Protein backbone atom coordinates (compact mmCIF):
# COMPACT_ATOMS: atom_id res chain seq x y z
CA UNK A 1 50.95 96.47 82.23
CA UNK A 2 48.47 94.44 84.27
CA UNK A 3 46.79 91.42 83.09
CA UNK A 4 43.72 92.34 84.88
CA UNK A 5 41.17 94.18 82.67
CA UNK A 6 37.77 95.74 83.23
CA UNK A 7 36.80 94.01 79.99
CA UNK A 8 37.44 90.18 81.22
CA UNK A 9 34.34 88.21 80.45
CA UNK A 10 32.75 86.19 83.01
CA UNK A 11 32.36 83.43 80.36
CA UNK A 12 34.09 80.24 81.55
CA UNK A 13 36.09 77.97 79.36
CA UNK A 14 34.97 74.50 78.35
CA UNK A 15 35.15 71.91 81.14
CA UNK A 16 37.19 69.31 79.39
CA UNK A 17 40.79 69.30 80.54
CA UNK A 18 44.29 67.64 79.64
CA UNK A 19 45.75 65.58 82.31
CA UNK A 20 48.45 67.51 84.24
CA UNK A 21 51.58 65.62 83.25
CA UNK A 22 54.30 68.24 83.31
CA UNK A 23 55.79 69.95 86.52
CA UNK A 24 53.57 73.08 87.17
CA UNK A 25 56.43 74.64 89.20
CA UNK A 26 57.52 77.70 87.31
CA UNK A 27 57.10 80.89 88.77
CA UNK A 28 56.53 84.19 86.60
CA UNK A 29 60.25 84.91 87.18
CA UNK A 30 61.29 81.37 85.93
CA UNK A 31 59.11 81.64 82.81
CA UNK A 32 60.83 85.12 82.05
CA UNK A 33 64.22 83.81 82.55
CA UNK A 34 63.68 81.00 79.82
CA UNK A 35 61.72 83.31 77.34
CA UNK A 36 64.43 85.95 77.60
CA UNK A 37 66.97 83.25 76.86
CA UNK A 38 64.93 82.42 73.73
CA UNK A 39 64.99 86.03 72.60
CA UNK A 40 68.70 86.01 73.52
CA UNK A 41 69.32 89.93 73.21
CA UNK A 42 73.10 89.57 73.27
CA UNK A 43 73.00 87.28 70.22
CA UNK A 44 70.72 89.91 68.44
CA UNK A 45 73.06 92.67 69.22
CA UNK A 46 76.27 91.00 68.12
CA UNK A 47 74.86 88.88 65.18
CA UNK A 48 71.65 90.64 63.68
CA UNK A 49 72.27 94.35 64.61
CA UNK A 50 75.62 94.66 62.66
CA UNK A 51 73.82 93.95 59.45
CA UNK A 52 71.40 96.72 60.14
CA UNK A 53 74.08 98.98 61.01
CA UNK A 54 75.93 98.44 57.81
CA UNK A 55 72.87 99.17 55.69
CA UNK A 56 71.59 102.42 57.45
CA UNK A 57 74.09 103.47 60.05
CA UNK A 58 72.51 105.57 62.90
CA UNK A 59 69.04 105.30 61.51
CA UNK A 60 69.23 101.64 62.83
CA UNK A 61 67.82 103.12 66.15
CA UNK A 62 64.66 104.29 64.09
CA UNK A 63 64.25 100.89 62.53
CA UNK A 64 64.48 99.11 65.79
CA UNK A 65 61.99 101.59 67.42
CA UNK A 66 59.42 100.88 64.64
CA UNK A 67 60.11 97.17 64.99
CA UNK A 68 59.35 97.65 68.78
CA UNK A 69 55.95 99.14 68.04
CA UNK A 70 55.14 96.06 65.84
CA UNK A 71 56.39 94.09 68.73
CA UNK A 72 54.08 95.56 71.14
CA UNK A 73 51.22 94.78 68.81
CA UNK A 74 52.13 91.31 68.40
CA UNK A 75 52.76 90.71 72.14
CA UNK A 76 49.25 92.15 72.84
CA UNK A 77 47.88 89.58 70.56
CA UNK A 78 49.95 86.81 72.24
CA UNK A 79 48.79 88.02 75.66
CA UNK A 80 45.25 87.81 74.87
CA UNK A 81 45.50 84.38 73.25
CA UNK A 82 47.62 82.80 75.76
CA UNK A 83 45.38 83.58 78.65
CA UNK A 84 42.40 82.30 76.68
CA UNK A 85 44.30 79.00 75.97
CA UNK A 86 47.19 78.46 78.50
CA UNK A 87 48.39 75.26 76.69
CA UNK A 88 51.88 73.91 76.00
CA UNK A 89 51.51 73.61 72.28
CA UNK A 90 52.16 77.23 71.64
CA UNK A 91 50.63 79.12 68.67
CA UNK A 92 49.15 76.03 66.87
CA UNK A 93 47.07 75.61 70.07
CA UNK A 94 45.14 78.90 69.58
CA UNK A 95 45.02 78.76 65.86
CA UNK A 96 43.45 75.34 65.84
CA UNK A 97 40.88 76.36 68.26
CA UNK A 98 39.97 79.60 66.59
CA UNK A 99 40.64 79.15 63.02
CA UNK A 100 40.22 75.40 62.75
CA UNK A 101 42.11 72.23 63.37
CA UNK A 102 43.41 71.94 59.91
CA UNK A 103 45.03 75.38 60.03
CA UNK A 104 46.21 74.60 63.59
CA UNK A 105 48.15 71.36 62.31
CA UNK A 106 49.43 73.16 59.34
CA UNK A 107 50.88 75.91 61.49
CA UNK A 108 52.27 73.23 63.99
CA UNK A 109 54.16 71.64 61.21
CA UNK A 110 55.76 74.67 59.71
CA UNK A 111 56.52 76.11 63.07
CA UNK A 112 58.11 73.01 64.41
CA UNK A 113 60.27 72.51 61.22
CA UNK A 114 61.35 76.11 61.65
CA UNK A 115 62.28 75.86 65.34
CA UNK A 116 64.33 72.73 64.50
CA UNK A 117 66.31 74.74 61.82
CA UNK A 118 66.61 77.80 63.79
CA UNK A 119 68.45 75.72 66.58
CA UNK A 120 70.82 74.50 63.90
CA UNK A 121 71.23 78.14 62.63
CA UNK A 122 72.08 79.56 66.13
CA UNK A 123 74.15 76.79 67.25
CA UNK A 124 76.30 77.02 64.08
CA UNK A 125 77.14 80.54 65.41
CA UNK A 126 78.85 79.35 68.28
CA UNK A 127 82.10 78.39 66.72
CA UNK A 128 82.68 81.89 65.16
CA UNK A 129 82.69 83.37 68.66
CA UNK A 130 84.64 80.61 70.27
CA UNK A 131 87.19 81.05 67.60
CA UNK A 132 88.17 84.36 69.31
CA UNK A 133 89.59 82.48 72.16
CA UNK A 134 90.08 79.01 70.61
CA UNK A 135 91.41 79.54 66.90
CA UNK A 136 90.96 75.75 66.07
CA UNK A 137 87.24 75.88 66.85
CA UNK A 138 85.28 74.38 63.91
CA UNK A 139 82.17 76.17 63.40
CA UNK A 140 79.95 73.37 62.35
CA UNK A 141 81.13 70.51 64.56
CA UNK A 142 81.15 72.89 67.62
CA UNK A 143 77.54 73.77 66.75
CA UNK A 144 76.62 69.96 66.40
CA UNK A 145 78.08 69.46 69.78
CA UNK A 146 76.19 72.36 71.37
CA UNK A 147 72.91 71.13 70.08
CA UNK A 148 73.50 67.60 71.53
CA UNK A 149 74.50 68.79 74.87
CA UNK A 150 71.70 71.41 75.02
CA UNK A 151 69.13 68.58 74.23
CA UNK A 152 70.35 66.73 77.20
CA UNK A 153 70.27 69.62 79.43
CA UNK A 154 66.74 70.42 78.06
CA UNK A 155 65.13 67.24 79.41
CA UNK A 156 66.05 68.05 83.00
CA UNK A 157 63.35 69.41 85.30
CA UNK A 158 61.92 72.71 84.17
CA UNK A 159 63.15 74.50 87.25
CA UNK A 160 66.52 73.16 86.63
CA UNK A 161 66.54 74.62 83.22
CA UNK A 162 65.23 78.10 84.75
CA UNK A 163 68.21 78.15 86.70
CA UNK A 164 70.72 77.25 83.98
CA UNK A 165 69.24 79.69 81.66
CA UNK A 166 69.13 82.29 84.22
CA UNK A 167 72.61 82.04 85.01
CA UNK A 168 73.63 82.00 81.49
CA UNK A 169 71.43 85.05 80.71
CA UNK A 170 73.22 87.04 83.30
CA UNK A 171 76.52 86.26 81.65
CA UNK A 172 75.31 87.25 78.20
CA UNK A 173 73.80 90.64 79.66
CA UNK A 174 77.09 91.30 81.05
CA UNK A 175 78.36 91.64 77.25
CA UNK A 176 75.68 94.26 76.78
CA UNK A 177 76.61 96.27 79.87
CA UNK A 178 80.31 96.39 78.45
CA UNK A 179 78.93 98.11 75.21
CA UNK A 180 76.90 100.55 77.16
CA UNK A 181 79.78 101.37 79.41
CA UNK A 182 82.27 101.73 76.44
CA UNK A 183 79.87 103.80 74.43
CA UNK A 184 78.40 106.05 76.96
CA UNK A 185 81.60 106.97 78.49
CA UNK A 186 83.29 107.82 75.28
CA UNK A 187 80.49 109.87 73.73
CA UNK A 188 81.91 111.16 70.09
CA UNK A 189 78.74 112.57 68.50
CA UNK A 190 75.29 113.90 69.40
CA UNK A 191 72.10 112.22 69.59
CA UNK A 192 70.91 113.26 66.03
CA UNK A 193 73.19 110.59 64.92
CA UNK A 194 70.30 108.20 65.72
CA UNK A 195 68.06 109.48 62.95
CA UNK A 196 70.70 109.85 60.20
CA UNK A 197 70.73 106.95 57.64
CA UNK A 198 74.17 106.42 56.17
CA UNK A 199 76.23 103.66 54.62
CA UNK A 200 79.50 103.22 53.07
CA UNK A 201 79.36 102.65 49.24
CA UNK A 202 81.48 100.53 47.09
CA UNK A 203 84.16 103.30 46.93
CA UNK A 204 84.61 103.32 50.62
CA UNK A 205 82.85 106.74 50.97
CA UNK A 206 80.33 107.28 53.73
CA UNK A 207 76.84 108.41 51.82
CA UNK A 208 73.26 109.01 52.90
CA UNK A 209 70.81 106.21 52.66
CA UNK A 210 67.06 106.41 51.67
CA UNK A 211 64.06 106.43 53.96
CA UNK A 212 62.86 103.39 52.19
CA UNK A 213 65.83 101.44 53.13
CA UNK A 214 65.43 102.29 56.89
CA UNK A 215 61.63 101.05 56.73
CA UNK A 216 62.88 97.82 54.98
CA UNK A 217 65.39 97.12 57.72
CA UNK A 218 62.40 97.10 60.11
CA UNK A 219 61.95 93.46 58.98
CA UNK A 220 65.14 92.40 60.18
CA UNK A 221 64.64 94.19 63.40
CA UNK A 222 61.34 92.40 63.94
CA UNK A 223 63.13 89.18 63.86
CA UNK A 224 65.79 90.47 66.30
CA UNK A 225 63.11 90.89 69.02
CA UNK A 226 61.56 87.66 68.17
CA UNK A 227 61.35 85.28 71.18
CA UNK A 228 58.97 87.00 73.65
CA UNK A 229 56.31 84.38 72.72
CA UNK A 230 58.31 81.51 73.94
CA UNK A 231 56.61 81.98 77.44
CA UNK A 232 53.33 80.12 76.11
CA UNK A 233 55.23 77.00 75.41
CA UNK A 234 55.60 76.70 79.20
CA UNK A 235 51.95 77.44 80.04
CA UNK A 236 51.42 74.11 81.53
CA UNK A 237 54.58 74.53 83.73
CA UNK A 238 53.70 77.86 85.07
CA UNK A 239 51.73 78.48 88.18
CA UNK A 240 48.63 80.61 87.48
CA UNK A 241 49.22 80.53 83.79
CA UNK A 242 46.13 82.09 82.55
CA UNK A 243 46.68 85.24 85.07
CA UNK A 244 50.42 85.49 84.42
CA UNK A 245 51.25 84.68 80.95
CA UNK A 246 50.22 87.99 79.41
CA UNK A 247 52.49 89.70 81.88
CA UNK A 248 55.51 87.42 81.01
CA UNK A 249 55.14 88.14 77.54
CA UNK A 250 54.90 91.85 77.80
CA UNK A 251 57.69 92.00 80.16
CA UNK A 252 60.04 89.88 78.14
CA UNK A 253 59.43 92.20 75.08
CA UNK A 254 60.19 95.22 77.12
CA UNK A 255 63.47 93.83 78.38
CA UNK A 256 64.37 92.66 74.90
CA UNK A 257 63.70 95.96 73.45
CA UNK A 258 65.83 97.86 76.18
CA UNK A 259 68.60 95.19 76.10
CA UNK A 260 68.92 95.60 72.23
CA UNK A 261 68.25 99.28 71.50
CA UNK A 262 70.38 100.93 74.34
CA UNK A 263 73.60 99.05 73.64
CA UNK A 264 73.05 99.79 70.01
CA UNK A 265 72.74 103.55 70.86
CA UNK A 266 75.82 103.45 72.82
CA UNK A 267 77.75 101.91 69.94
CA UNK A 268 76.38 104.53 67.44
CA UNK A 269 77.10 107.46 69.90
CA UNK A 270 80.57 106.16 71.19
CA UNK A 271 82.30 104.67 68.17
CA UNK A 272 85.64 106.48 67.44
CA UNK A 273 84.60 106.78 63.94
CA UNK A 274 81.35 106.32 62.12
CA UNK A 275 83.19 105.52 58.87
CA UNK A 276 85.30 102.87 60.35
CA UNK A 277 82.35 101.43 62.18
CA UNK A 278 80.23 100.96 59.13
CA UNK A 279 82.95 99.68 56.95
CA UNK A 280 84.35 97.00 59.51
CA UNK A 281 83.60 93.33 58.60
CA UNK A 282 82.61 92.92 62.25
CA UNK A 283 81.37 96.37 63.71
CA UNK A 284 80.87 95.07 67.36
CA UNK A 285 84.44 93.63 67.35
CA UNK A 286 85.82 96.81 65.89
CA UNK A 287 83.81 98.90 68.59
CA UNK A 288 85.06 96.73 71.62
CA UNK A 289 88.65 96.40 70.50
CA UNK A 290 88.93 100.13 69.74
CA UNK A 291 87.29 101.44 72.86
CA UNK A 292 88.44 98.47 74.94
CA UNK A 293 91.06 95.99 74.05
CA UNK A 294 91.63 92.62 72.30
CA UNK A 295 91.50 90.86 75.66
CA UNK A 296 88.00 92.49 76.21
CA UNK A 297 86.92 91.47 72.87
CA UNK A 298 87.91 87.80 73.60
CA UNK A 299 85.79 87.92 76.86
CA UNK A 300 82.88 89.55 75.05
CA UNK A 301 83.09 86.70 72.42
CA UNK A 302 82.85 84.15 74.99
CA UNK A 303 79.95 85.73 76.44
CA UNK A 304 78.07 85.68 73.24
CA UNK A 305 79.13 81.91 72.70
CA UNK A 306 77.38 81.46 76.05
CA UNK A 307 74.34 83.55 74.96
CA UNK A 308 74.01 81.27 71.71
CA UNK A 309 74.19 78.12 73.90
CA UNK A 310 71.56 79.47 76.17
CA UNK A 311 69.34 80.33 73.23
CA UNK A 312 69.77 76.69 72.01
CA UNK A 313 68.59 75.37 75.46
CA UNK A 314 65.56 77.64 75.42
CA UNK A 315 64.42 76.98 71.83
CA UNK A 316 65.01 73.16 72.35
CA UNK A 317 62.74 73.43 75.33
CA UNK A 318 60.08 75.18 73.16
CA UNK A 319 60.43 72.78 70.35
CA UNK A 320 60.07 69.67 72.43
CA UNK A 321 57.05 70.90 74.21
CA UNK A 322 55.17 71.83 70.96
CA UNK A 323 56.07 68.31 69.47
CA UNK A 324 54.95 66.66 72.64
CA UNK A 325 51.66 68.62 72.69
CA UNK A 326 50.97 67.59 69.09
CA UNK A 327 51.54 63.82 69.98
CA UNK A 328 49.40 64.18 73.08
CA UNK A 329 46.59 65.41 70.64
CA UNK A 330 47.09 62.41 68.67
CA UNK A 331 48.70 63.92 65.55
CA UNK A 332 50.90 60.93 64.57
CA UNK A 333 50.49 57.05 64.30
CA UNK A 334 50.70 55.30 67.76
CA UNK A 335 54.14 53.76 67.05
CA UNK A 336 55.65 57.23 66.89
CA UNK A 337 53.18 59.30 69.01
CA UNK A 338 53.24 57.14 72.08
CA UNK A 339 56.95 57.89 72.30
CA UNK A 340 56.67 61.53 71.58
CA UNK A 341 54.12 62.06 74.09
CA UNK A 342 55.85 60.33 76.99
CA UNK A 343 56.70 62.37 79.90
CA UNK A 344 59.31 61.21 82.15
CA UNK A 345 57.80 60.26 85.60
CA UNK A 346 60.30 61.88 87.75
CA UNK A 347 61.65 64.84 85.68
CA UNK A 348 58.06 65.49 84.32
CA UNK A 349 59.53 66.75 80.95
CA UNK A 350 58.62 65.51 77.51
CA UNK A 351 61.89 63.41 77.34
CA UNK A 352 61.61 61.82 73.76
CA UNK A 353 60.00 64.64 72.01
CA UNK A 354 62.89 66.95 73.34
CA UNK A 355 65.70 64.36 72.32
CA UNK A 356 64.08 63.87 68.94
CA UNK A 357 64.20 67.69 68.51
CA UNK A 358 67.96 67.65 69.35
CA UNK A 359 68.74 64.64 67.10
CA UNK A 360 67.00 66.14 64.07
CA UNK A 361 68.65 69.64 64.66
CA UNK A 362 72.05 67.91 64.94
CA UNK A 363 71.58 66.13 61.83
CA UNK A 364 70.36 69.20 59.86
CA UNK A 365 73.22 71.25 61.17
CA UNK A 366 75.62 68.64 60.15
CA UNK A 367 74.47 68.19 56.69
CA UNK A 368 72.67 71.48 55.47
CA UNK A 369 74.84 74.61 54.84
CA UNK A 370 73.95 77.62 57.04
CA UNK A 371 72.88 79.79 54.22
CA UNK A 372 70.23 77.26 53.13
CA UNK A 373 69.05 76.98 56.78
CA UNK A 374 68.55 80.69 57.00
CA UNK A 375 66.69 80.88 53.82
CA UNK A 376 64.58 77.88 54.68
CA UNK A 377 63.40 79.50 58.12
CA UNK A 378 63.48 83.10 57.08
CA UNK A 379 59.76 83.54 56.47
CA UNK A 380 58.11 81.23 58.80
CA UNK A 381 58.07 83.94 61.52
CA UNK A 382 55.99 86.26 59.26
CA UNK A 383 53.63 83.49 58.38
CA UNK A 384 53.13 82.44 62.09
CA UNK A 385 52.53 86.22 63.31
CA UNK A 386 50.10 86.65 60.51
CA UNK A 387 47.94 83.74 61.74
CA UNK A 388 48.20 84.76 65.31
CA UNK A 389 46.99 88.45 64.42
CA UNK A 390 44.19 86.93 62.29
CA UNK A 391 43.32 84.42 65.24
CA UNK A 392 42.97 87.20 67.86
CA UNK A 393 40.51 88.94 65.53
CA UNK A 394 38.51 85.94 64.81
CA UNK A 395 38.46 84.78 68.50
CA UNK A 396 37.05 88.04 69.50
CA UNK A 397 34.22 87.84 66.81
CA UNK A 398 33.41 84.19 67.45
CA UNK A 399 33.46 84.67 71.16
CA UNK A 400 36.00 81.67 71.49
CA UNK A 401 38.34 83.76 73.53
CA UNK A 402 35.90 85.44 75.57
CA UNK A 403 37.09 83.71 78.65
CA UNK A 404 40.50 85.23 78.39
CA UNK A 405 41.77 86.77 81.56
CA UNK A 406 43.53 89.57 79.56
CA UNK A 407 41.83 91.73 76.73
CA UNK A 408 44.06 94.03 75.00
CA UNK A 409 43.22 97.77 74.86
CA UNK A 410 42.05 99.61 71.77
CA UNK A 411 41.04 96.44 69.86
CA UNK A 412 41.47 95.91 67.01
CA UNK A 413 44.18 98.42 66.55
CA UNK A 414 47.04 96.01 67.53
CA UNK A 415 46.35 93.06 65.21
CA UNK A 416 45.39 95.42 62.30
CA UNK A 417 48.79 97.34 62.65
CA UNK A 418 50.70 94.01 62.96
CA UNK A 419 49.00 92.56 59.82
CA UNK A 420 49.76 95.71 57.72
CA UNK A 421 53.34 95.73 58.93
CA UNK A 422 53.74 91.94 58.33
CA UNK A 423 52.38 92.23 54.78
CA UNK A 424 54.84 94.77 53.90
CA UNK A 425 57.79 92.57 55.54
CA UNK A 426 56.40 89.74 53.33
CA UNK A 427 56.60 92.01 50.23
CA UNK A 428 60.23 92.83 51.04
CA UNK A 429 61.15 89.19 51.79
CA UNK A 430 59.66 88.20 48.51
CA UNK A 431 61.67 90.84 46.67
CA UNK A 432 64.75 89.80 48.24
CA UNK A 433 64.46 86.02 48.06
CA UNK A 434 61.09 84.59 47.27
CA UNK A 435 62.28 81.10 48.15
CA UNK A 436 61.86 82.08 51.89
CA UNK A 437 58.06 82.52 51.45
CA UNK A 438 57.77 79.54 49.11
CA UNK A 439 59.28 77.26 51.82
CA UNK A 440 57.04 78.60 54.50
CA UNK A 441 53.90 78.16 52.62
CA UNK A 442 55.00 74.71 51.49
CA UNK A 443 55.28 73.90 55.03
CA UNK A 444 51.77 74.97 55.61
CA UNK A 445 50.55 73.08 52.39
CA UNK A 446 52.07 69.69 53.48
CA UNK A 447 50.51 70.14 57.01
CA UNK A 448 46.99 70.74 55.30
CA UNK A 449 47.51 67.51 53.19
CA UNK A 450 48.58 65.38 56.07
CA UNK A 451 45.56 66.56 57.93
CA UNK A 452 43.32 65.71 55.06
CA UNK A 453 44.78 62.26 54.49
CA UNK A 454 45.51 61.09 58.07
CA UNK A 455 43.83 63.22 60.61
CA UNK A 456 40.42 64.09 59.22
CA UNK A 457 39.38 60.58 58.51
CA UNK A 458 40.34 59.62 62.15
CA UNK A 459 38.83 62.88 63.83
CA UNK A 460 37.20 60.89 66.71
CA UNK A 461 40.53 60.06 68.14
CA UNK A 462 43.18 61.98 66.26
CA UNK A 463 43.92 65.91 66.76
CA UNK A 464 41.41 65.99 69.50
CA UNK A 465 42.54 69.32 71.04
CA UNK A 466 41.09 69.43 74.52
CA UNK A 467 40.23 72.64 76.39
CA UNK A 468 42.95 73.40 78.69
CA UNK A 469 45.36 71.82 81.28
CA UNK A 470 44.53 71.06 84.96
CA UNK A 471 44.46 73.60 87.77
CA UNK A 472 47.10 76.34 87.35
CA UNK A 473 48.09 76.75 90.89
CA UNK A 474 48.96 72.92 91.65
CA UNK A 475 51.44 72.97 94.30
CA UNK A 476 55.10 71.94 93.84
CA UNK A 477 55.53 68.39 94.66
CA UNK A 478 58.49 67.89 96.94
CA UNK A 479 59.71 64.81 94.98
CA UNK A 480 60.09 66.47 91.73
CA UNK A 481 63.69 67.33 90.74
CA UNK A 482 67.11 66.03 89.68
CA UNK A 483 69.19 65.99 92.75
CA UNK A 484 69.87 69.09 94.64
CA UNK A 485 69.60 71.62 91.90
CA UNK A 486 66.22 70.29 90.49
CA UNK A 487 64.81 70.32 94.09
CA UNK A 488 65.30 74.14 94.67
CA UNK A 489 62.11 75.77 95.87
CA UNK A 490 61.68 78.24 93.07
CA UNK A 491 63.47 79.52 89.93
């Protein structure tokens, strides 16, 4: 979908600008590589999709198809807001400028805490897959080591990170290709399987599942696609950001949907036994082993470990930039804020903010049980998406996004559909475990309190939120880089 639109307004954004500090050297392709690494489709296929398969069997395809529709609605919201405010802070940058600075800071705090916990969650999964090749691997300490290593990788020049994540992304996509080949070359049942809801009951019998359960599993599928919005965190490092960010977001979502739903269909249609697939403790391991071999399963498990490491790098990059952007806006006392707002002069990356994220995530992963981390971060995405959908409507009504380079078609259909779906997901989350929503809302409340006590009384110098960054077509400076890799012409 083109980022150009006949409905683009001639209105210009405010003249006030941030100083260009980061390296504006990412191409559209480089941004897509990092963004897809944050989505990490292979991790979704091997970690999230099995839970859906066990719940509703073949109808998992329908759940993920429905989630893709919600994903498109949210991606359109992201594309419009990203081209209106191409700023590295991410979602809080839009919400603060459209719904008010207090709401923007509250969202920043909730989202940053969530990103740090998510880094812990995904990194702790590394040991599980490394254990397929190294039986002595300890999940917790392997995860902590992965976080620390990834934090140091994330402080390198952004083009270096685009290359690193791009290479890792190719390897993790190889695992998905294996599933497709094994499934589509061993078809065992017809395509009607993809809309039959089945599960294995307590007696080990394959039984039907209700349509309501299929709709409920859409909530999980929405989470599996999440990450396409990571493109916005690199807005101040992407050339021509206001013109290309919308395209990066939509392309990343499209690739993520295809990379998750096609291998899932291959597994459903090519599995030797639907009963055995839906009763296996690890459906994907069962499938790869039965259609391939134990050796192939070991190789695939290593690829998934690589995918998790890749996602850890990408999300650390995200979290570091949103923390840096908040510090640049004067969110914290100077004794802390000056360090977090520091940009390394050669690497042109937010070094201390990124390392802080890595240290915080490592400490949390070493001290907090995995299930507690999952609960604590479980509903933050719903709250985030709701505020983004509301912001895109409010931005249109107030005219604050009138200068956006991309305007979604059929407005306000996309945000309205997204809001309705997210309210339903919130209801399901509340019924499953109300603490997920309570923790997410508590993060917002703490943010509002901090804003009222510290930021509002100092509004002249704190949480200033300038209009945008400097020229988006800035040339790549030849001195930027870290050795021969960092100096590559383009990622």
